[in-house]
Amino acid sequence: MPSMWKNPEDSYISHLLEFGGPKQRCLKTQAGFLQEVLKLKNILITCLPTPRNPLDCRIFIVVADLVPVVRKLDNSCDVLRSISYATINELYSELEWLRIYTDGSRVEQRINAGAGVFCDLFSIYAPVSRFASAYDSEVEALRITLTQLQ
């Protein structure tokens, strides 16, 4: 019965055994993204500042309850709206707080979604993207707001 193993006397096998196994071949001609980033990291030695947590700088007190206790089922939309405005005015007065209103919307019949930002300092309305959702528009409105406040 013939053996499935090659004879060690075979020239190819003896060559492999002599040099420690088959040679590794490099089939890629370009380095990958991660390899390039690691190479640049070693070349450009810069100390990046560590990000700071905003909660370390200031303590925020968040109150999300309405001043009068209400149930949505017992009141109409107009009453709930007026109660929420009264709560905002009581907890966050206009003299101490900058009020910024953002809105992102998408109407199904329209092609683009839009983002809007309004406050006493500025008012910006911008188209977002052709295939953006209402959520994407809200995120874009918040991004515009933060950019303007810097």
C-alpha atoms as a PDB file:
ATOM      1  CA  MET A   1       0.000   0.000   0.000  1.00  0.00           C
ATOM      2  CA  PRO A   2       1.526   3.347  -1.004  1.00  0.00           C
ATOM      3  CA  SER A   3       2.181   5.823   1.758  1.00  0.00           C
ATOM      4  CA  MET A   4       0.389   9.189   1.696  1.00  0.00           C
ATOM      5  CA  TRP A   5       3.410  10.885   3.236  1.00  0.00           C
ATOM      6  CA  LYS A   6       6.151  12.226   1.052  1.00  0.00           C
ATOM      7  CA  ASN A   7       9.574  10.797   1.261  1.00  0.00           C
ATOM      8  CA  PRO A   8      11.874  13.123   3.248  1.00  0.00           C
ATOM      9  CA  GLU A   9      14.516  12.399   0.669  1.00  0.00           C
ATOM     10  CA  ASP A  10      12.382  14.247  -1.919  1.00  0.00           C
ATOM     11  CA  SER A  11      14.182  17.450  -2.932  1.00  0.00           C
ATOM     12  CA  TYR A  12      11.205  19.776  -2.364  1.00  0.00           C
ATOM     13  CA  ILE A  13      10.400  18.387   1.068  1.00  0.00           C
ATOM     14  CA  SER A  14      14.031  18.367   2.136  1.00  0.00           C
ATOM     15  CA  HIS A  15      14.332  21.996   0.989  1.00  0.00           C
ATOM     16  CA  LEU A  16      11.305  22.956   3.112  1.00  0.00           C
ATOM     17  CA  LEU A  17      12.604  21.120   6.144  1.00  0.00           C
ATOM     18  CA  GLU A  18      16.044  22.650   5.727  1.00  0.00           C
ATOM     19  CA  PHE A  19      14.796  26.254   5.669  1.00  0.00           C
ATOM     20  CA  GLY A  20      12.112  25.956   8.337  1.00  0.00           C
ATOM     21  CA  GLY A  21       8.975  25.466   6.270  1.00  0.00           C
ATOM     22  CA  PRO A  22       7.362  27.197   3.327  1.00  0.00           C
ATOM     23  CA  LYS A  23       8.139  30.876   2.681  1.00  0.00           C
ATOM     24  CA  GLN A  24       5.490  33.368   3.588  1.00  0.00           C
ATOM     25  CA  ARG A  25       4.416  35.314   0.581  1.00  0.00           C
ATOM     26  CA  CYS A  26       3.173  38.881   0.740  1.00  0.00           C
ATOM     27  CA  LEU A  27       0.316  39.061  -1.726  1.00  0.00           C
ATOM     28  CA  LYS A  28      -0.843  42.562  -0.776  1.00  0.00           C
ATOM     29  CA  THR A  29       0.835  45.410  -2.617  1.00  0.00           C
ATOM     30  CA  GLN A  30      -0.494  48.150  -0.328  1.00  0.00           C
ATOM     31  CA  ALA A  31      -0.729  48.447   3.409  1.00  0.00           C
ATOM     32  CA  GLY A  32      -4.191  48.457   4.931  1.00  0.00           C
ATOM     33  CA  PHE A  33      -5.842  51.383   6.707  1.00  0.00           C
ATOM     34  CA  LEU A  34      -4.872  50.212  10.184  1.00  0.00           C
ATOM     35  CA  GLN A  35      -1.245  49.622   9.173  1.00  0.00           C
ATOM     36  CA  GLU A  36      -1.018  53.168   7.756  1.00  0.00           C
ATOM     37  CA  VAL A  37      -2.566  54.668  10.897  1.00  0.00           C
ATOM     38  CA  LEU A  38      -0.093  52.808  13.118  1.00  0.00           C
ATOM     39  CA  LYS A  39       2.795  53.925  10.905  1.00  0.00           C
ATOM     40  CA  LEU A  40       1.658  57.575  11.109  1.00  0.00           C
ATOM     41  CA  LYS A  41       1.190  57.253  14.860  1.00  0.00           C
ATOM     42  CA  ASN A  42       4.847  56.274  15.217  1.00  0.00           C
ATOM     43  CA  ILE A  43       6.033  59.032  12.860  1.00  0.00           C
ATOM     44  CA  LEU A  44       3.909  61.884  14.230  1.00  0.00           C
ATOM     45  CA  ILE A  45       4.434  61.743  17.946  1.00  0.00           C
ATOM     46  CA  THR A  46       2.005  64.283  19.381  1.00  0.00           C
ATOM     47  CA  CYS A  47       0.351  64.273  22.743  1.00  0.00           C
ATOM     48  CA  LEU A  48      -3.375  64.640  22.339  1.00  0.00           C
ATOM     49  CA  PRO A  49      -5.289  66.160  25.243  1.00  0.00           C
ATOM     50  CA  THR A  50      -7.506  63.729  27.018  1.00  0.00           C
ATOM     51  CA  PRO A  51     -11.189  64.534  26.619  1.00  0.00           C
ATOM     52  CA  ARG A  52     -12.814  66.050  29.669  1.00  0.00           C
ATOM     53  CA  ASN A  53     -16.145  65.034  30.994  1.00  0.00           C
ATOM     54  CA  PRO A  54     -18.480  68.076  31.127  1.00  0.00           C
ATOM     55  CA  LEU A  55     -19.882  66.795  34.412  1.00  0.00           C
ATOM     56  CA  ASP A  56     -16.455  67.339  36.028  1.00  0.00           C
ATOM     57  CA  CYS A  57     -16.644  71.082  35.346  1.00  0.00           C
ATOM     58  CA  ARG A  58     -20.122  71.853  36.628  1.00  0.00           C
ATOM     59  CA  ILE A  59     -22.902  70.119  38.486  1.00  0.00           C
ATOM     60  CA  PHE A  60     -26.170  70.142  36.564  1.00  0.00           C
ATOM     61  CA  ILE A  61     -29.525  69.934  38.272  1.00  0.00           C
ATOM     62  CA  VAL A  62     -32.100  68.504  35.911  1.00  0.00           C
ATOM     63  CA  VAL A  63     -35.785  68.807  36.687  1.00  0.00           C
ATOM     64  CA  ALA A  64     -38.050  67.109  34.173  1.00  0.00           C
ATOM     65  CA  ASP A  65     -41.341  67.213  36.070  1.00  0.00           C
ATOM     66  CA  LEU A  66     -44.058  69.752  35.424  1.00  0.00           C
ATOM     67  CA  VAL A  67     -44.697  72.163  38.275  1.00  0.00           C
ATOM     68  CA  PRO A  68     -48.347  71.148  38.773  1.00  0.00           C
ATOM     69  CA  VAL A  69     -48.903  67.407  38.753  1.00  0.00           C
ATOM     70  CA  VAL A  70     -51.083  66.583  35.730  1.00  0.00           C
ATOM     71  CA  ARG A  71     -52.324  63.563  33.839  1.00  0.00           C
ATOM     72  CA  LYS A  72     -52.367  63.690  30.058  1.00  0.00           C
ATOM     73  CA  LEU A  73     -55.727  61.955  29.856  1.00  0.00           C
ATOM     74  CA  ASP A  74     -57.440  64.561  32.044  1.00  0.00           C
ATOM     75  CA  ASN A  75     -56.320  67.660  30.093  1.00  0.00           C
ATOM     76  CA  SER A  76     -56.503  68.915  26.527  1.00  0.00           C
ATOM     77  CA  CYS A  77     -53.450  69.686  24.396  1.00  0.00           C
ATOM     78  CA  ASP A  78     -53.824  73.450  24.913  1.00  0.00           C
ATOM     79  CA  VAL A  79     -53.882  73.077  28.699  1.00  0.00           C
ATOM     80  CA  LEU A  80     -50.840  70.787  28.644  1.00  0.00           C
ATOM     81  CA  ARG A  81     -48.981  73.239  26.405  1.00  0.00           C
ATOM     82  CA  SER A  82     -49.700  76.178  28.711  1.00  0.00           C
ATOM     83  CA  ILE A  83     -48.624  74.146  31.768  1.00  0.00           C
ATOM     84  CA  SER A  84     -45.364  73.194  30.058  1.00  0.00           C
ATOM     85  CA  TYR A  85     -44.672  76.856  29.138  1.00  0.00           C
ATOM     86  CA  ALA A  86     -45.373  77.878  32.737  1.00  0.00           C
ATOM     87  CA  THR A  87     -42.957  75.206  33.965  1.00  0.00           C
ATOM     88  CA  ILE A  88     -40.229  76.376  31.578  1.00  0.00           C
ATOM     89  CA  ASN A  89     -40.720  79.996  32.657  1.00  0.00           C
ATOM     90  CA  GLU A  90     -40.606  79.085  36.340  1.00  0.00           C
ATOM     91  CA  LEU A  91     -37.602  76.741  36.277  1.00  0.00           C
ATOM     92  CA  TYR A  92     -35.545  78.383  33.524  1.00  0.00           C
ATOM     93  CA  SER A  93     -36.134  82.131  33.441  1.00  0.00           C
ATOM     94  CA  GLU A  94     -35.200  84.034  30.289  1.00  0.00           C
ATOM     95  CA  LEU A  95     -32.855  86.303  32.231  1.00  0.00           C
ATOM     96  CA  GLU A  96     -30.622  83.418  33.313  1.00  0.00           C
ATOM     97  CA  TRP A  97     -30.977  80.921  30.471  1.00  0.00           C
ATOM     98  CA  LEU A  98     -30.592  81.119  26.711  1.00  0.00           C
ATOM     99  CA  ARG A  99     -33.520  79.310  25.169  1.00  0.00           C
ATOM    100  CA  ILE A 100     -32.795  77.563  21.910  1.00  0.00           C
ATOM    101  CA  TYR A 101     -35.525  75.829  19.964  1.00  0.00           C
ATOM    102  CA  THR A 102     -34.571  73.181  17.419  1.00  0.00           C
ATOM    103  CA  ASP A 103     -36.692  71.306  14.942  1.00  0.00           C
ATOM    104  CA  GLY A 104     -35.959  68.664  12.387  1.00  0.00           C
ATOM    105  CA  SER A 105     -38.645  67.532  10.040  1.00  0.00           C
ATOM    106  CA  ARG A 106     -39.295  65.513   6.957  1.00  0.00           C
ATOM    107  CA  VAL A 107     -42.494  65.631   4.981  1.00  0.00           C
ATOM    108  CA  GLU A 108     -43.103  62.422   3.045  1.00  0.00           C
ATOM    109  CA  GLN A 109     -44.110  64.230  -0.139  1.00  0.00           C
ATOM    110  CA  ARG A 110     -40.958  66.356  -0.191  1.00  0.00           C
ATOM    111  CA  ILE A 111     -37.543  65.149  -1.238  1.00  0.00           C
ATOM    112  CA  ASN A 112     -35.356  66.811   1.409  1.00  0.00           C
ATOM    113  CA  ALA A 113     -35.481  66.931   5.181  1.00  0.00           C
ATOM    114  CA  GLY A 114     -34.857  70.208   6.959  1.00  0.00           C
ATOM    115  CA  ALA A 115     -33.401  71.475  10.218  1.00  0.00           C
ATOM    116  CA  GLY A 116     -34.296  74.685  11.981  1.00  0.00           C
ATOM    117  CA  VAL A 117     -32.755  76.510  14.931  1.00  0.00           C
ATOM    118  CA  PHE A 118     -34.236  79.593  16.587  1.00  0.00           C
ATOM    119  CA  CYS A 119     -33.180  81.689  19.566  1.00  0.00           C
ATOM    120  CA  ASP A 120     -32.751  85.365  20.466  1.00  0.00           C
ATOM    121  CA  LEU A 121     -29.218  85.402  19.027  1.00  0.00           C
ATOM    122  CA  PHE A 122     -29.715  83.661  15.685  1.00  0.00           C
ATOM    123  CA  SER A 123     -32.164  81.863  13.449  1.00  0.00           C
ATOM    124  CA  ILE A 124     -30.989  79.239  10.950  1.00  0.00           C
ATOM    125  CA  TYR A 125     -32.890  76.984   8.596  1.00  0.00           C
ATOM    126  CA  ALA A 126     -30.991  74.452   6.486  1.00  0.00           C
ATOM    127  CA  PRO A 127     -31.754  71.508   4.207  1.00  0.00           C
ATOM    128  CA  VAL A 128     -30.244  68.318   5.555  1.00  0.00           C
ATOM    129  CA  SER A 129     -30.044  65.582   2.962  1.00  0.00           C
ATOM    130  CA  ARG A 130     -32.004  63.936   0.249  1.00  0.00           C
ATOM    131  CA  PHE A 131     -32.522  60.665   2.109  1.00  0.00           C
ATOM    132  CA  ALA A 132     -32.431  61.927   5.706  1.00  0.00           C
ATOM    133  CA  SER A 133     -35.083  61.033   8.251  1.00  0.00           C
ATOM    134  CA  ALA A 134     -36.723  63.347  10.777  1.00  0.00           C
ATOM    135  CA  TYR A 135     -34.295  62.011  13.404  1.00  0.00           C
ATOM    136  CA  ASP A 136     -31.314  62.914  11.185  1.00  0.00           C
ATOM    137  CA  SER A 137     -32.774  66.407  10.844  1.00  0.00           C
ATOM    138  CA  GLU A 138     -33.046  66.790  14.621  1.00  0.00           C
ATOM    139  CA  VAL A 139     -29.419  65.697  15.027  1.00  0.00           C
ATOM    140  CA  GLU A 140     -28.362  68.187  12.348  1.00  0.00           C
ATOM    141  CA  ALA A 141     -30.288  70.971  14.123  1.00  0.00           C
ATOM    142  CA  LEU A 142     -28.427  70.175  17.351  1.00  0.00           C
ATOM    143  CA  ARG A 143     -25.101  70.128  15.480  1.00  0.00           C
ATOM    144  CA  ILE A 144     -25.839  73.538  13.939  1.00  0.00           C
ATOM    145  CA  THR A 145     -26.734  74.895  17.379  1.00  0.00           C
ATOM    146  CA  LEU A 146     -23.520  73.656  18.985  1.00  0.00           C
ATOM    147  CA  THR A 147     -21.464  75.017  16.087  1.00  0.00           C
ATOM    148  CA  GLN A 148     -23.047  78.460  16.452  1.00  0.00           C
ATOM    149  CA  LEU A 149     -22.517  78.530  20.222  1.00  0.00           C
ATOM    150  CA  GLN A 150     -18.782  77.837  19.961  1.00  0.00           C
END
